Amino acid sequence: MTEREVHKCLNPVGIEEPVETFPLAPRLDTLDGKTIYFSITGEPDITIPLEKKLKSDYPNVIWKVKKTYTTVQVPLSDEEMKTADGLIQGVCW
């Protein structure tokens, strides 16, 4: 019978310091009837099933989808910013 070798490895991530976060806007009390923009840039890999899942899980949300299958992000217009209650923005490569 052979002797087992023991290998020790260090975690390259290191120790993460806690970070204080600040919300950019107050949390919505409900999503029902709210207008949420779903903005996608890049390849549509995971965003296609994610869009379908969000629409099926939250049918009472007014979904506005912006798709840009390039490397250039298209920001929301001033009018869209005024009417949006929330934004989900995804970048896929």
Protein backbone atom coordinates (compact mmCIF):
# COMPACT_ATOMS: atom_id res chain seq x y z
CA MET A 1 0.00 0.00 0.00
CA THR A 2 1.35 3.42 -0.94
CA GLU A 3 1.39 6.48 1.26
CA ARG A 4 -1.01 9.32 0.36
CA GLU A 5 0.43 12.68 -0.59
CA VAL A 6 -1.06 15.78 1.01
CA HIS A 7 -1.24 18.96 -1.04
CA LYS A 8 -2.01 22.36 0.47
CA CYS A 9 -3.38 25.17 -1.68
CA LEU A 10 -3.95 28.83 -0.97
CA ASN A 11 -7.17 30.50 -2.08
CA PRO A 12 -6.19 33.14 -4.69
CA VAL A 13 -9.24 35.26 -3.85
CA GLY A 14 -7.84 36.27 -0.50
CA ILE A 15 -9.88 37.83 2.27
CA GLU A 16 -12.61 40.20 1.22
CA GLU A 17 -13.26 43.24 3.39
CA PRO A 18 -16.92 44.10 4.06
CA VAL A 19 -18.19 47.01 1.95
CA GLU A 20 -20.92 49.46 2.87
CA THR A 21 -23.49 49.81 0.08
CA PHE A 22 -25.95 52.59 -0.68
CA PRO A 23 -29.14 52.18 -2.75
CA LEU A 24 -29.51 54.41 -5.79
CA ALA A 25 -33.28 54.57 -5.37
CA PRO A 26 -35.84 53.41 -2.82
CA ARG A 27 -37.06 49.84 -3.16
CA LEU A 28 -40.41 49.46 -4.95
CA ASP A 29 -43.26 48.37 -2.67
CA THR A 30 -44.69 46.16 -5.44
CA LEU A 31 -43.90 45.28 -9.04
CA ASP A 32 -47.54 44.99 -10.11
CA GLY A 33 -48.32 47.61 -12.75
CA LYS A 34 -44.77 48.96 -12.76
CA THR A 35 -42.80 49.62 -15.96
CA ILE A 36 -39.47 47.77 -15.90
CA TYR A 37 -36.94 48.15 -18.71
CA PHE A 38 -34.84 45.11 -19.59
CA SER A 39 -31.80 46.34 -21.51
CA ILE A 40 -29.51 43.78 -23.14
CA THR A 41 -26.16 44.45 -24.81
CA GLY A 42 -23.94 41.87 -26.49
CA GLU A 43 -24.67 38.23 -27.26
CA PRO A 44 -28.17 37.05 -26.31
CA ASP A 45 -26.90 33.89 -24.55
CA ILE A 46 -28.63 33.79 -21.17
CA THR A 47 -30.81 36.85 -21.66
CA ILE A 48 -33.36 35.08 -23.90
CA PRO A 49 -34.39 32.50 -21.26
CA LEU A 50 -34.06 35.15 -18.52
CA GLU A 51 -36.48 37.44 -20.36
CA LYS A 52 -38.99 34.59 -20.78
CA LYS A 53 -38.66 33.62 -17.10
CA LEU A 54 -39.13 37.18 -15.83
CA LYS A 55 -42.19 37.71 -18.03
CA SER A 56 -43.77 34.44 -16.85
CA ASP A 57 -42.94 34.99 -13.16
CA TYR A 58 -44.10 38.62 -13.16
CA PRO A 59 -47.05 38.83 -15.59
CA ASN A 60 -48.44 42.04 -14.05
CA VAL A 61 -45.27 44.01 -14.83
CA ILE A 62 -45.16 46.18 -17.94
CA TRP A 63 -41.94 44.94 -19.57
CA LYS A 64 -40.07 47.15 -22.05
CA VAL A 65 -37.18 45.31 -23.70
CA LYS A 66 -34.26 47.00 -25.45
CA LYS A 67 -31.88 44.67 -27.28
CA THR A 68 -28.59 45.72 -28.81
CA TYR A 69 -26.52 42.82 -30.09
CA THR A 70 -23.39 44.90 -30.47
CA THR A 71 -20.66 46.02 -28.07
CA VAL A 72 -22.17 49.50 -27.75
CA GLN A 73 -24.59 50.07 -24.86
CA VAL A 74 -27.69 52.05 -25.82
CA PRO A 75 -28.76 54.14 -22.82
CA LEU A 76 -32.38 54.82 -21.99
CA SER A 77 -33.71 58.01 -23.55
CA ASP A 78 -34.87 60.89 -21.37
CA GLU A 79 -38.50 59.90 -22.01
CA GLU A 80 -37.79 56.27 -21.06
CA MET A 81 -36.05 57.41 -17.88
CA LYS A 82 -39.15 59.42 -16.91
CA THR A 83 -41.54 56.48 -17.42
CA ALA A 84 -39.33 53.71 -16.00
CA ASP A 85 -39.95 52.38 -12.51
CA GLY A 86 -36.95 50.07 -12.72
CA LEU A 87 -34.15 48.81 -14.97
CA ILE A 88 -32.47 45.45 -15.42
CA GLN A 89 -29.36 45.90 -17.50
CA GLY A 90 -27.34 42.98 -18.80
CA VAL A 91 -24.11 42.74 -20.77
CA CYS A 92 -23.16 39.38 -22.31
CA TRP A 93 -20.05 38.54 -24.30
